[in-house]
């Protein structure tokens, strides 16, 4: 059995290439950039609110590398 998975690669600010993946958040489809070298996952507050307006989402300015 063979399975084909479409692969979409983007050049992110001329700082390397990253896969763009299809995900589902709260049952709604979105496209996210997958950073395989990141130590944490970051999601945009606007995207999360669009995915689930009833969820209690708090913004954070904390960044890590």
Protein backbone atom coordinates (compact mmCIF):
# COMPACT_ATOMS: atom_id res chain seq x y z
CA UNK A 1 0.00 0.00 0.00
CA UNK A 2 1.32 3.44 -0.94
CA UNK A 3 0.10 6.70 0.51
CA UNK A 4 0.78 10.09 -1.00
CA UNK A 5 0.89 13.13 1.26
CA UNK A 6 1.09 16.56 -0.37
CA UNK A 7 4.04 18.58 0.92
CA UNK A 8 3.94 22.38 0.82
CA UNK A 9 7.22 24.13 1.64
CA UNK A 10 7.49 27.89 2.20
CA UNK A 11 10.48 30.23 2.50
CA UNK A 12 9.91 32.01 5.80
CA UNK A 13 11.40 35.51 5.63
CA UNK A 14 14.37 34.18 3.65
CA UNK A 15 15.49 32.44 6.86
CA UNK A 16 14.96 28.85 5.84
CA UNK A 17 12.29 26.60 4.46
CA UNK A 18 9.41 25.25 6.55
CA UNK A 19 6.55 22.84 5.83
CA UNK A 20 3.04 24.29 5.78
CA UNK A 21 0.63 21.76 7.25
CA UNK A 22 -3.14 21.39 7.43
CA UNK A 23 -4.45 21.09 11.00
CA UNK A 24 -7.80 21.05 12.74
CA UNK A 25 -8.38 23.20 15.85
CA UNK A 26 -11.70 22.79 17.61
CA UNK A 27 -12.98 21.08 14.46
CA UNK A 28 -12.05 23.96 12.12
CA UNK A 29 -9.36 23.70 9.41
CA UNK A 30 -6.26 25.91 9.49
CA UNK A 31 -2.81 25.99 7.91
CA UNK A 32 0.20 26.21 10.24
CA UNK A 33 3.93 26.57 9.71
CA UNK A 34 5.81 23.64 11.23
CA UNK A 35 9.13 24.74 12.74
CA UNK A 36 10.98 21.51 13.43
CA UNK A 37 13.74 23.35 15.30
CA UNK A 38 11.47 25.20 17.72
CA UNK A 39 11.48 24.22 21.38
CA UNK A 40 7.84 25.30 21.83
CA UNK A 41 4.71 25.67 19.74
CA UNK A 42 3.27 29.18 19.38
CA UNK A 43 -0.21 29.96 18.10
CA UNK A 44 -1.59 33.37 17.24
CA UNK A 45 -4.23 34.63 19.69
CA UNK A 46 -6.46 35.77 16.80
CA UNK A 47 -6.32 32.32 15.21
CA UNK A 48 -7.26 30.63 18.51
CA UNK A 49 -10.17 33.01 19.03
CA UNK A 50 -11.37 32.31 15.49
CA UNK A 51 -11.12 28.59 16.17
CA UNK A 52 -13.11 28.80 19.42
CA UNK A 53 -14.58 32.15 20.44
CA UNK A 54 -15.91 30.69 23.72
CA UNK A 55 -12.53 29.45 24.98
CA UNK A 56 -10.77 31.41 27.70
CA UNK A 57 -7.51 32.33 25.99
CA UNK A 58 -4.97 34.55 27.71
CA UNK A 59 -2.28 36.34 25.76
CA UNK A 60 1.36 35.91 26.71
CA UNK A 61 4.36 38.00 25.78
CA UNK A 62 6.82 35.39 27.03
CA UNK A 63 9.23 34.27 24.35
CA UNK A 64 11.89 31.56 24.45
CA UNK A 65 14.54 30.27 22.13
